Amino acid sequence: MTRRLFLVFAALALVAAGRPVTAQPDDQALAGLLGSAAAYVRTYEERFSLLVAEERYVQEIRRPDNNPVAGNLTRNNPGGGFASNGGVRKRVVLRSDFLLVRLGEGAGWMPFRDTFNVNGDKINDRSDRLAKLFIEPSEASFDAAARIMADSIRYNLGSMTRTVNIPTLALMFLHPTVRERFSFTRDGEETIDGRLAWRVEYHETARPALIKTTRGRDLPASGRLWIEAATGVVLKTTMTAADPLVRALITTTYRREPALDLWVPARMEDYYKADSEVDEVTGIATYANYRTFTVATDLALRKPQPQ
C-alpha cells in the first residue's frame, strides 16, 4: 500500500491551525534567543519578494543489508528467501528551480519547485516560468504554480509521495504565527563554521499537526535548531515527522549569500521509510545561483486561503 506524506496547505502559508498554544519557555535566556530568532525569520521574509535558486537533488532507493528478498515471499515460504545485499537500487538526479514566494506582511512564504531536468534529460524549457507567474501575478498564479509543483513531485523516487522536502520547513516553525504551536528546550552549545550556536530542541504540541498523511493521521514535527546566540541567525535545522507506520527526516544547513546579504539553504538531506516497505529513500539537495525578483503587486491579496 502506498503511504503518502503531505504538508497541510495552511502550514505552508504559515497560518496556524486552531488556537495556538500559549506556553512559553521557563528559561529567560532561551525565551530571549527564541525572540531573536523569530525577529530574524520576520526579517528574512522581508528581504525578498521572490527568492529563486537552482536545486540539484540526488535521490536514491536503498536497501539495508541482510533484508529478505521481497520477491521470494510466498505462501509456502512466508519468511522470504536468502538475505539480500544492501545498496542502491535506483538513483535519480533532478535539477529544478526552487522558489520561495513572499505572501505579504507577516504571512510568511510559500515554496514551489519546478523540475526541468531528470538524469540529464531536459523535460521542459527552463525559462523561470514559475517566477514569471509571480512577477506580475494574477488570480490564477497560485493555481498554475501548484500544478507545476504537482507535476514535479512525480519525479521523486519511492512509493511515499511527499511535499515536505522543503529546505526551509523547520525555519518556518520559528515564525511568530506558528512558533507557539511548539515547545522548546535548550540542548547545549555547538560551534558551526566558527559561529557559536545554541542547540534547541522543539516538539509540536498543538493539534491538528501541521504535517499529515493523506488519510489524515497527524505526524507531529520535532527536531533541533542551531541558532547563533549573538544574532538569532539559524545555521542548521533538523525535522522529524513520524509515527509507527512512516518516518521522514530532513536536515538543512545554511550559508550566507554575500550578493544577497541573506542566509540561504546550502544543503538539504532527507530520509523516508514506510513500515510496509523494505527499502528506504534518501536524498541530498544542493542549492546555487540564488537570485531575487521584484513582484509588481501584493501577493497577500492573492494567496489561497486555508479551508
C-alpha atoms as a PDB file:
ATOM      1  CA  MET A   1       0.000   0.000   0.000  1.00  0.00           C
ATOM      2  CA  THR A   2       1.356   3.409  -0.929  1.00  0.00           C
ATOM      3  CA  ARG A   3       1.833   5.687   2.033  1.00  0.00           C
ATOM      4  CA  ARG A   4       1.856   9.407   1.406  1.00  0.00           C
ATOM      5  CA  LEU A   5       3.104  12.454   3.280  1.00  0.00           C
ATOM      6  CA  PHE A   6       1.991  15.964   2.614  1.00  0.00           C
ATOM      7  CA  LEU A   7       2.253  19.313   4.325  1.00  0.00           C
ATOM      8  CA  VAL A   8      -1.087  20.890   5.206  1.00  0.00           C
ATOM      9  CA  PHE A   9      -1.581  23.875   2.893  1.00  0.00           C
ATOM     10  CA  ALA A  10      -2.302  26.259   5.754  1.00  0.00           C
ATOM     11  CA  ALA A  11       1.105  25.428   7.211  1.00  0.00           C
ATOM     12  CA  LEU A  12       2.836  26.427   4.007  1.00  0.00           C
ATOM     13  CA  ALA A  13       1.137  29.797   4.243  1.00  0.00           C
ATOM     14  CA  LEU A  14       2.232  29.985   7.894  1.00  0.00           C
ATOM     15  CA  VAL A  15      -1.337  30.180   9.153  1.00  0.00           C
ATOM     16  CA  ALA A  16      -1.617  28.380  12.492  1.00  0.00           C
ATOM     17  CA  ALA A  17      -4.347  25.749  12.559  1.00  0.00           C
ATOM     18  CA  GLY A  18      -6.639  26.012  15.553  1.00  0.00           C
ATOM     19  CA  ARG A  19      -5.998  28.031  18.687  1.00  0.00           C
ATOM     20  CA  PRO A  20      -2.284  28.444  19.418  1.00  0.00           C
ATOM     21  CA  VAL A  21      -0.639  27.015  22.487  1.00  0.00           C
ATOM     22  CA  THR A  22       0.365  29.855  24.808  1.00  0.00           C
ATOM     23  CA  ALA A  23       3.046  28.145  26.895  1.00  0.00           C
ATOM     24  CA  GLN A  24       6.384  29.955  26.870  1.00  0.00           C
ATOM     25  CA  PRO A  25       9.867  28.707  27.831  1.00  0.00           C
ATOM     26  CA  ASP A  26      10.640  28.958  31.537  1.00  0.00           C
ATOM     27  CA  ASP A  27      14.272  29.740  30.711  1.00  0.00           C
ATOM     28  CA  GLN A  28      14.506  33.509  30.176  1.00  0.00           C
ATOM     29  CA  ALA A  29      17.712  33.200  28.167  1.00  0.00           C
ATOM     30  CA  LEU A  30      16.036  30.700  25.859  1.00  0.00           C
ATOM     31  CA  ALA A  31      12.970  32.931  25.571  1.00  0.00           C
ATOM     32  CA  GLY A  32      15.258  35.793  24.553  1.00  0.00           C
ATOM     33  CA  LEU A  33      17.004  33.629  21.961  1.00  0.00           C
ATOM     34  CA  LEU A  34      13.685  32.491  20.501  1.00  0.00           C
ATOM     35  CA  GLY A  35      12.572  36.098  20.336  1.00  0.00           C
ATOM     36  CA  SER A  36      15.736  36.980  18.404  1.00  0.00           C
ATOM     37  CA  ALA A  37      15.215  34.000  16.103  1.00  0.00           C
ATOM     38  CA  ALA A  38      11.589  34.975  15.453  1.00  0.00           C
ATOM     39  CA  ALA A  39      12.694  38.518  14.616  1.00  0.00           C
ATOM     40  CA  TYR A  40      15.326  37.043  12.294  1.00  0.00           C
ATOM     41  CA  VAL A  41      12.667  34.990  10.487  1.00  0.00           C
ATOM     42  CA  ARG A  42      10.468  38.061  10.087  1.00  0.00           C
ATOM     43  CA  THR A  43      13.435  39.995   8.715  1.00  0.00           C
ATOM     44  CA  TYR A  44      14.259  37.020   6.492  1.00  0.00           C
ATOM     45  CA  GLU A  45      10.874  37.133   4.778  1.00  0.00           C
ATOM     46  CA  GLU A  46      11.105  40.902   4.341  1.00  0.00           C
ATOM     47  CA  ARG A  47      14.339  40.587   2.350  1.00  0.00           C
ATOM     48  CA  PHE A  48      12.721  39.175  -0.778  1.00  0.00           C
ATOM     49  CA  SER A  49       9.519  39.054  -2.806  1.00  0.00           C
ATOM     50  CA  LEU A  50      10.715  36.073  -4.823  1.00  0.00           C
ATOM     51  CA  LEU A  51      13.840  34.116  -3.938  1.00  0.00           C
ATOM     52  CA  VAL A  52      14.886  31.622  -6.606  1.00  0.00           C
ATOM     53  CA  ALA A  53      17.676  29.033  -6.596  1.00  0.00           C
ATOM     54  CA  GLU A  54      18.809  26.171  -8.783  1.00  0.00           C
ATOM     55  CA  GLU A  55      18.427  22.882  -6.941  1.00  0.00           C
ATOM     56  CA  ARG A  56      20.415  19.719  -7.727  1.00  0.00           C
ATOM     57  CA  TYR A  57      18.648  16.883  -5.945  1.00  0.00           C
ATOM     58  CA  VAL A  58      20.083  13.349  -5.901  1.00  0.00           C
ATOM     59  CA  GLN A  59      17.607  10.731  -4.667  1.00  0.00           C
ATOM     60  CA  GLU A  60      18.288   7.046  -4.080  1.00  0.00           C
ATOM     61  CA  ILE A  61      16.252   4.000  -3.146  1.00  0.00           C
ATOM     62  CA  ARG A  62      18.438   1.973  -0.837  1.00  0.00           C
ATOM     63  CA  ARG A  63      18.049  -1.471   0.706  1.00  0.00           C
ATOM     64  CA  PRO A  64      19.656  -2.082   4.101  1.00  0.00           C
ATOM     65  CA  ASP A  65      21.936  -5.105   4.448  1.00  0.00           C
ATOM     66  CA  ASN A  66      20.562  -8.513   5.483  1.00  0.00           C
ATOM     67  CA  ASN A  67      16.943  -7.933   4.483  1.00  0.00           C
ATOM     68  CA  PRO A  68      14.988 -10.807   2.907  1.00  0.00           C
ATOM     69  CA  VAL A  69      14.403 -10.625  -0.809  1.00  0.00           C
ATOM     70  CA  ALA A  70      10.788  -9.491  -1.052  1.00  0.00           C
ATOM     71  CA  GLY A  71      10.275 -11.259  -4.361  1.00  0.00           C
ATOM     72  CA  ASN A  72      10.811 -14.677  -2.720  1.00  0.00           C
ATOM     73  CA  LEU A  73       7.911 -14.291  -0.299  1.00  0.00           C
ATOM     74  CA  THR A  74       5.260 -16.973  -0.974  1.00  0.00           C
ATOM     75  CA  ARG A  75       2.587 -18.874   0.962  1.00  0.00           C
ATOM     76  CA  ASN A  76       4.975 -21.814   1.265  1.00  0.00           C
ATOM     77  CA  ASN A  77       7.926 -19.589   2.093  1.00  0.00           C
ATOM     78  CA  PRO A  78       6.486 -16.841   4.345  1.00  0.00           C
ATOM     79  CA  GLY A  79       9.893 -15.939   5.704  1.00  0.00           C
ATOM     80  CA  GLY A  80      11.222 -14.962   2.295  1.00  0.00           C
ATOM     81  CA  GLY A  81      14.370 -16.058   0.571  1.00  0.00           C
ATOM     82  CA  PHE A  82      18.038 -15.569   1.269  1.00  0.00           C
ATOM     83  CA  ALA A  83      19.168 -12.307   2.776  1.00  0.00           C
ATOM     84  CA  SER A  84      19.926  -9.704   0.141  1.00  0.00           C
ATOM     85  CA  ASN A  85      22.931  -7.441  -0.055  1.00  0.00           C
ATOM     86  CA  GLY A  86      22.150  -3.851   0.725  1.00  0.00           C
ATOM     87  CA  GLY A  87      22.917  -0.919  -1.517  1.00  0.00           C
ATOM     88  CA  VAL A  88      21.443   1.457  -4.056  1.00  0.00           C
ATOM     89  CA  ARG A  89      18.508   0.031  -6.028  1.00  0.00           C
ATOM     90  CA  LYS A  90      17.655   3.136  -8.017  1.00  0.00           C
ATOM     91  CA  ARG A  91      19.040   6.642  -8.391  1.00  0.00           C
ATOM     92  CA  VAL A  92      17.772   9.839  -9.984  1.00  0.00           C
ATOM     93  CA  VAL A  93      19.307  13.304 -10.365  1.00  0.00           C
ATOM     94  CA  LEU A  94      16.766  16.112 -10.548  1.00  0.00           C
ATOM     95  CA  ARG A  95      17.512  19.703 -11.448  1.00  0.00           C
ATOM     96  CA  SER A  96      14.830  22.221 -10.562  1.00  0.00           C
ATOM     97  CA  ASP A  97      14.114  25.867  -9.973  1.00  0.00           C
ATOM     98  CA  PHE A  98      13.192  26.265  -6.313  1.00  0.00           C
ATOM     99  CA  LEU A  99      11.166  29.341  -5.292  1.00  0.00           C
ATOM    100  CA  LEU A 100      10.245  30.996  -2.021  1.00  0.00           C
ATOM    101  CA  VAL A 101       7.319  33.356  -2.617  1.00  0.00           C
ATOM    102  CA  ARG A 102       6.640  36.007  -0.001  1.00  0.00           C
ATOM    103  CA  LEU A 103       2.929  36.135   0.794  1.00  0.00           C
ATOM    104  CA  GLY A 104       2.635  39.523   2.409  1.00  0.00           C
ATOM    105  CA  GLU A 105       3.323  41.341   5.653  1.00  0.00           C
ATOM    106  CA  GLY A 106       3.604  38.802   8.472  1.00  0.00           C
ATOM    107  CA  ALA A 107       2.221  35.935   6.363  1.00  0.00           C
ATOM    108  CA  GLY A 108       5.475  34.098   5.689  1.00  0.00           C
ATOM    109  CA  TRP A 109       6.383  32.466   2.407  1.00  0.00           C
ATOM    110  CA  MET A 110       5.354  29.583   0.209  1.00  0.00           C
ATOM    111  CA  PRO A 111       7.772  27.174  -1.562  1.00  0.00           C
ATOM    112  CA  PHE A 112       7.436  25.900  -5.118  1.00  0.00           C
ATOM    113  CA  ARG A 113       9.602  23.535  -7.175  1.00  0.00           C
ATOM    114  CA  ASP A 114       9.781  23.280 -10.987  1.00  0.00           C
ATOM    115  CA  THR A 115      11.816  20.293 -12.212  1.00  0.00           C
ATOM    116  CA  PHE A 116      13.306  20.904 -15.655  1.00  0.00           C
ATOM    117  CA  ASN A 117      15.898  18.120 -15.981  1.00  0.00           C
ATOM    118  CA  VAL A 118      15.859  14.428 -14.970  1.00  0.00           C
ATOM    119  CA  ASN A 119      19.091  12.403 -15.212  1.00  0.00           C
ATOM    120  CA  GLY A 120      20.475  14.844 -17.746  1.00  0.00           C
ATOM    121  CA  ASP A 121      17.383  14.827 -19.958  1.00  0.00           C
ATOM    122  CA  LYS A 122      15.526  18.111 -20.399  1.00  0.00           C
ATOM    123  CA  ILE A 123      11.821  17.690 -19.635  1.00  0.00           C
ATOM    124  CA  ASN A 124      10.740  21.302 -20.210  1.00  0.00           C
ATOM    125  CA  ASP A 125      12.221  24.600 -21.289  1.00  0.00           C
ATOM    126  CA  ARG A 126      13.949  26.343 -18.434  1.00  0.00           C
ATOM    127  CA  SER A 127      12.639  29.872 -18.591  1.00  0.00           C
ATOM    128  CA  ASP A 128      11.935  30.926 -14.990  1.00  0.00           C
ATOM    129  CA  ARG A 129       8.298  30.078 -15.717  1.00  0.00           C
ATOM    130  CA  LEU A 130       7.462  29.831 -12.012  1.00  0.00           C
ATOM    131  CA  ALA A 131       8.989  33.215 -11.260  1.00  0.00           C
ATOM    132  CA  LYS A 132       7.124  34.783 -14.158  1.00  0.00           C
ATOM    133  CA  LEU A 133       3.829  33.683 -12.620  1.00  0.00           C
ATOM    134  CA  PHE A 134       4.512  35.909  -9.602  1.00  0.00           C
ATOM    135  CA  ILE A 135       6.435  38.842 -11.059  1.00  0.00           C
ATOM    136  CA  GLU A 136       3.096  40.118 -12.369  1.00  0.00           C
ATOM    137  CA  PRO A 137       0.658  37.845 -10.540  1.00  0.00           C
ATOM    138  CA  SER A 138      -2.934  37.163 -11.464  1.00  0.00           C
ATOM    139  CA  GLU A 139      -5.741  35.386  -9.653  1.00  0.00           C
ATOM    140  CA  ALA A 140      -4.591  32.170 -11.340  1.00  0.00           C
ATOM    141  CA  SER A 141      -0.897  32.408 -10.375  1.00  0.00           C
ATOM    142  CA  PHE A 142      -1.049  30.159  -7.307  1.00  0.00           C
ATOM    143  CA  ASP A 143      -3.142  27.517  -9.038  1.00  0.00           C
ATOM    144  CA  ALA A 144      -0.766  27.436 -12.008  1.00  0.00           C
ATOM    145  CA  ALA A 145       2.276  27.213  -9.720  1.00  0.00           C
ATOM    146  CA  ALA A 146       0.645  24.421  -7.702  1.00  0.00           C
ATOM    147  CA  ARG A 147       0.096  22.435 -10.903  1.00  0.00           C
ATOM    148  CA  ILE A 148       3.750  22.840 -11.857  1.00  0.00           C
ATOM    149  CA  MET A 149       4.842  21.696  -8.402  1.00  0.00           C
ATOM    150  CA  ALA A 150       2.459  18.706  -8.505  1.00  0.00           C
ATOM    151  CA  ASP A 151       3.944  17.705 -11.833  1.00  0.00           C
ATOM    152  CA  SER A 152       7.453  17.927 -10.362  1.00  0.00           C
ATOM    153  CA  ILE A 153       6.517  15.704  -7.399  1.00  0.00           C
ATOM    154  CA  ARG A 154       6.006  12.718  -9.703  1.00  0.00           C
ATOM    155  CA  TYR A 155       9.756  12.536 -10.367  1.00  0.00           C
ATOM    156  CA  ASN A 156      10.515  11.776  -6.711  1.00  0.00           C
ATOM    157  CA  LEU A 157      11.668   8.215  -6.079  1.00  0.00           C
ATOM    158  CA  GLY A 158       9.769   5.768  -3.892  1.00  0.00           C
ATOM    159  CA  SER A 159       6.156   4.930  -3.180  1.00  0.00           C
ATOM    160  CA  MET A 160       5.842   7.609  -0.486  1.00  0.00           C
ATOM    161  CA  THR A 161       4.517  10.693  -2.223  1.00  0.00           C
ATOM    162  CA  ARG A 162       5.743  13.739  -0.339  1.00  0.00           C
ATOM    163  CA  THR A 163       5.788  17.508  -0.355  1.00  0.00           C
ATOM    164  CA  VAL A 164       7.625  18.003   2.925  1.00  0.00           C
ATOM    165  CA  ASN A 165      11.039  18.005   1.198  1.00  0.00           C
ATOM    166  CA  ILE A 166      11.335  21.767   1.706  1.00  0.00           C
ATOM    167  CA  PRO A 167      14.718  23.069   2.933  1.00  0.00           C
ATOM    168  CA  THR A 168      13.203  25.982   4.880  1.00  0.00           C
ATOM    169  CA  LEU A 169      10.415  23.974   6.522  1.00  0.00           C
ATOM    170  CA  ALA A 170      11.831  23.920  10.066  1.00  0.00           C
ATOM    171  CA  LEU A 171      12.768  27.606   9.762  1.00  0.00           C
ATOM    172  CA  MET A 172       9.052  28.326   9.324  1.00  0.00           C
ATOM    173  CA  PHE A 173       8.367  26.917  12.787  1.00  0.00           C
ATOM    174  CA  LEU A 174      10.063  29.962  14.343  1.00  0.00           C
ATOM    175  CA  HIS A 175       7.705  32.384  12.614  1.00  0.00           C
ATOM    176  CA  PRO A 176       5.626  34.326  15.160  1.00  0.00           C
ATOM    177  CA  THR A 177       2.329  32.989  13.747  1.00  0.00           C
ATOM    178  CA  VAL A 178       3.464  29.371  14.188  1.00  0.00           C
ATOM    179  CA  ARG A 179       6.043  29.320  16.995  1.00  0.00           C
ATOM    180  CA  GLU A 180       3.556  28.957  19.847  1.00  0.00           C
ATOM    181  CA  ARG A 181       2.471  25.582  18.452  1.00  0.00           C
ATOM    182  CA  PHE A 182       5.812  24.196  19.681  1.00  0.00           C
ATOM    183  CA  SER A 183       7.659  23.654  22.931  1.00  0.00           C
ATOM    184  CA  PHE A 184      11.394  24.461  23.019  1.00  0.00           C
ATOM    185  CA  THR A 185      14.236  23.334  25.282  1.00  0.00           C
ATOM    186  CA  ARG A 186      17.979  24.008  25.313  1.00  0.00           C
ATOM    187  CA  ASP A 187      20.286  21.162  24.340  1.00  0.00           C
ATOM    188  CA  GLY A 188      23.770  22.601  24.747  1.00  0.00           C
ATOM    189  CA  GLU A 189      26.055  24.620  22.502  1.00  0.00           C
ATOM    190  CA  GLU A 190      27.987  23.881  19.334  1.00  0.00           C
ATOM    191  CA  THR A 191      30.318  25.788  17.044  1.00  0.00           C
ATOM    192  CA  ILE A 192      29.375  25.703  13.359  1.00  0.00           C
ATOM    193  CA  ASP A 193      31.827  27.252  10.881  1.00  0.00           C
ATOM    194  CA  GLY A 194      33.322  29.322  13.669  1.00  0.00           C
ATOM    195  CA  ARG A 195      29.951  30.583  14.955  1.00  0.00           C
ATOM    196  CA  LEU A 196      28.743  29.733  18.452  1.00  0.00           C
ATOM    197  CA  ALA A 197      25.207  28.341  18.302  1.00  0.00           C
ATOM    198  CA  TRP A 198      22.713  27.071  20.814  1.00  0.00           C
ATOM    199  CA  ARG A 199      21.151  23.715  20.046  1.00  0.00           C
ATOM    200  CA  VAL A 200      17.425  23.995  20.689  1.00  0.00           C
ATOM    201  CA  GLU A 201      15.058  21.020  20.643  1.00  0.00           C
ATOM    202  CA  TYR A 202      11.470  21.595  19.566  1.00  0.00           C
ATOM    203  CA  HIS A 203       8.304  19.477  19.684  1.00  0.00           C
ATOM    204  CA  GLU A 204       4.965  20.273  18.119  1.00  0.00           C
ATOM    205  CA  THR A 205       2.311  20.259  20.842  1.00  0.00           C
ATOM    206  CA  ALA A 206      -0.744  21.762  19.118  1.00  0.00           C
ATOM    207  CA  ARG A 207      -3.280  19.684  17.219  1.00  0.00           C
ATOM    208  CA  PRO A 208      -4.117  19.129  14.474  1.00  0.00           C
ATOM    209  CA  ALA A 209      -0.487  18.767  13.434  1.00  0.00           C
ATOM    210  CA  LEU A 210       0.876  20.769  10.521  1.00  0.00           C
ATOM    211  CA  ILE A 211       2.022  17.587   8.751  1.00  0.00           C
ATOM    212  CA  LYS A 212      -0.365  14.741   7.990  1.00  0.00           C
ATOM    213  CA  THR A 213      -0.697  11.626   5.897  1.00  0.00           C
ATOM    214  CA  THR A 214      -3.250  11.643   3.088  1.00  0.00           C
ATOM    215  CA  ARG A 215      -5.527   9.660   5.385  1.00  0.00           C
ATOM    216  CA  GLY A 216      -5.448  12.484   7.895  1.00  0.00           C
ATOM    217  CA  ARG A 217      -3.140  10.988  10.523  1.00  0.00           C
ATOM    218  CA  ASP A 218      -1.168  13.599  12.444  1.00  0.00           C
ATOM    219  CA  LEU A 219       2.619  13.446  12.151  1.00  0.00           C
ATOM    220  CA  PRO A 220       3.787  15.900  14.825  1.00  0.00           C
ATOM    221  CA  ALA A 221       7.070  17.594  13.966  1.00  0.00           C
ATOM    222  CA  SER A 222      10.106  17.569  16.219  1.00  0.00           C
ATOM    223  CA  GLY A 223      13.796  18.247  15.787  1.00  0.00           C
ATOM    224  CA  ARG A 224      16.620  20.662  16.519  1.00  0.00           C
ATOM    225  CA  LEU A 225      17.572  24.205  15.613  1.00  0.00           C
ATOM    226  CA  TRP A 226      21.117  25.582  15.701  1.00  0.00           C
ATOM    227  CA  ILE A 227      20.673  29.302  16.447  1.00  0.00           C
ATOM    228  CA  GLU A 228      23.590  31.714  16.668  1.00  0.00           C
ATOM    229  CA  ALA A 229      23.466  33.123  20.176  1.00  0.00           C
ATOM    230  CA  ALA A 230      24.667  36.605  19.229  1.00  0.00           C
ATOM    231  CA  THR A 231      22.331  37.256  16.275  1.00  0.00           C
ATOM    232  CA  GLY A 232      19.424  34.794  16.190  1.00  0.00           C
ATOM    233  CA  VAL A 233      20.572  33.565  12.760  1.00  0.00           C
ATOM    234  CA  VAL A 234      19.551  29.949  12.104  1.00  0.00           C
ATOM    235  CA  LEU A 235      22.582  27.979  10.901  1.00  0.00           C
ATOM    236  CA  LYS A 236      21.143  24.458  10.745  1.00  0.00           C
ATOM    237  CA  THR A 237      17.853  22.616  11.305  1.00  0.00           C
ATOM    238  CA  THR A 238      16.587  19.070  11.579  1.00  0.00           C
ATOM    239  CA  MET A 239      12.963  17.952  11.410  1.00  0.00           C
ATOM    240  CA  THR A 240      11.388  14.544  12.031  1.00  0.00           C
ATOM    241  CA  ALA A 241       7.758  13.697  11.260  1.00  0.00           C
ATOM    242  CA  ALA A 242       6.949  10.110  12.194  1.00  0.00           C
ATOM    243  CA  ASP A 243       4.547   7.572  13.625  1.00  0.00           C
ATOM    244  CA  PRO A 244       4.786   3.744  13.771  1.00  0.00           C
ATOM    245  CA  LEU A 245       3.985   3.491  10.031  1.00  0.00           C
ATOM    246  CA  VAL A 246       6.052   6.216   8.348  1.00  0.00           C
ATOM    247  CA  ARG A 247       9.125   8.307   9.105  1.00  0.00           C
ATOM    248  CA  ALA A 248      10.557  11.414   7.448  1.00  0.00           C
ATOM    249  CA  LEU A 249      13.769  13.190   8.474  1.00  0.00           C
ATOM    250  CA  ILE A 250      15.035  16.425   6.896  1.00  0.00           C
ATOM    251  CA  THR A 251      18.302  18.231   7.725  1.00  0.00           C
ATOM    252  CA  THR A 252      19.173  21.634   6.263  1.00  0.00           C
ATOM    253  CA  THR A 253      22.380  23.627   6.585  1.00  0.00           C
ATOM    254  CA  TYR A 254      22.541  27.328   5.718  1.00  0.00           C
ATOM    255  CA  ARG A 255      25.239  29.585   4.317  1.00  0.00           C
ATOM    256  CA  ARG A 256      25.474  33.323   3.889  1.00  0.00           C
ATOM    257  CA  GLU A 257      24.988  34.547   0.311  1.00  0.00           C
ATOM    258  CA  PRO A 258      27.087  37.745   0.135  1.00  0.00           C
ATOM    259  CA  ALA A 259      25.418  39.080  -3.018  1.00  0.00           C
ATOM    260  CA  LEU A 260      22.016  38.994  -1.294  1.00  0.00           C
ATOM    261  CA  ASP A 261      23.226  39.599   2.284  1.00  0.00           C
ATOM    262  CA  LEU A 262      20.977  36.690   3.228  1.00  0.00           C
ATOM    263  CA  TRP A 263      21.412  33.272   4.830  1.00  0.00           C
ATOM    264  CA  VAL A 264      20.143  30.686   2.358  1.00  0.00           C
ATOM    265  CA  PRO A 265      19.859  26.880   2.267  1.00  0.00           C
ATOM    266  CA  ALA A 266      23.131  25.326   1.134  1.00  0.00           C
ATOM    267  CA  ARG A 267      22.286  21.623   1.517  1.00  0.00           C
ATOM    268  CA  MET A 268      19.251  19.537   2.385  1.00  0.00           C
ATOM    269  CA  GLU A 269      19.477  15.853   3.337  1.00  0.00           C
ATOM    270  CA  ASP A 270      16.270  13.853   3.622  1.00  0.00           C
ATOM    271  CA  TYR A 271      15.233  10.301   4.522  1.00  0.00           C
ATOM    272  CA  TYR A 272      11.904   8.458   4.195  1.00  0.00           C
ATOM    273  CA  LYS A 273      10.835   4.999   5.333  1.00  0.00           C
ATOM    274  CA  ALA A 274       7.442   3.302   5.365  1.00  0.00           C
ATOM    275  CA  ASP A 275       6.956   0.405   7.760  1.00  0.00           C
ATOM    276  CA  SER A 276       5.398  -1.637   4.953  1.00  0.00           C
ATOM    277  CA  GLU A 277       8.451  -1.219   2.698  1.00  0.00           C
ATOM    278  CA  VAL A 278      11.861  -2.920   2.841  1.00  0.00           C
ATOM    279  CA  ASP A 279      13.640  -0.112   1.048  1.00  0.00           C
ATOM    280  CA  GLU A 280      14.295   3.425   2.229  1.00  0.00           C
ATOM    281  CA  VAL A 281      14.590   6.637   0.228  1.00  0.00           C
ATOM    282  CA  THR A 282      17.416   9.121   0.765  1.00  0.00           C
ATOM    283  CA  GLY A 283      18.178  12.427  -0.876  1.00  0.00           C
ATOM    284  CA  ILE A 284      20.805  15.158  -0.964  1.00  0.00           C
ATOM    285  CA  ALA A 285      19.919  18.536  -2.463  1.00  0.00           C
ATOM    286  CA  THR A 286      22.352  21.390  -3.000  1.00  0.00           C
ATOM    287  CA  TYR A 287      21.486  24.964  -3.955  1.00  0.00           C
ATOM    288  CA  ALA A 288      23.241  27.502  -6.158  1.00  0.00           C
ATOM    289  CA  ASN A 289      22.623  30.520  -8.400  1.00  0.00           C
ATOM    290  CA  TYR A 290      20.414  32.383  -5.949  1.00  0.00           C
ATOM    291  CA  ARG A 291      18.632  35.414  -7.375  1.00  0.00           C
ATOM    292  CA  THR A 292      15.716  37.641  -6.413  1.00  0.00           C
ATOM    293  CA  PHE A 293      12.830  39.106  -8.377  1.00  0.00           C
ATOM    294  CA  THR A 294      10.535  42.027  -7.709  1.00  0.00           C
ATOM    295  CA  VAL A 295       6.792  41.456  -7.527  1.00  0.00           C
ATOM    296  CA  ALA A 296       4.572  44.044  -9.170  1.00  0.00           C
ATOM    297  CA  THR A 297       1.592  43.685  -6.814  1.00  0.00           C
ATOM    298  CA  ASP A 298       0.805  42.470  -3.302  1.00  0.00           C
ATOM    299  CA  LEU A 299       0.664  38.679  -3.213  1.00  0.00           C
ATOM    300  CA  ALA A 300      -1.022  38.796   0.195  1.00  0.00           C
ATOM    301  CA  LEU A 301      -4.286  39.636  -1.562  1.00  0.00           C
ATOM    302  CA  ARG A 302      -3.969  36.694  -3.921  1.00  0.00           C
ATOM    303  CA  LYS A 303      -2.723  33.787  -1.839  1.00  0.00           C
ATOM    304  CA  PRO A 304      -5.032  30.765  -1.440  1.00  0.00           C
ATOM    305  CA  GLN A 305      -6.997  30.751   1.790  1.00  0.00           C
ATOM    306  CA  PRO A 306      -6.916  27.720   4.117  1.00  0.00           C
ATOM    307  CA  GLN A 307     -10.057  25.612   4.124  1.00  0.00           C
END
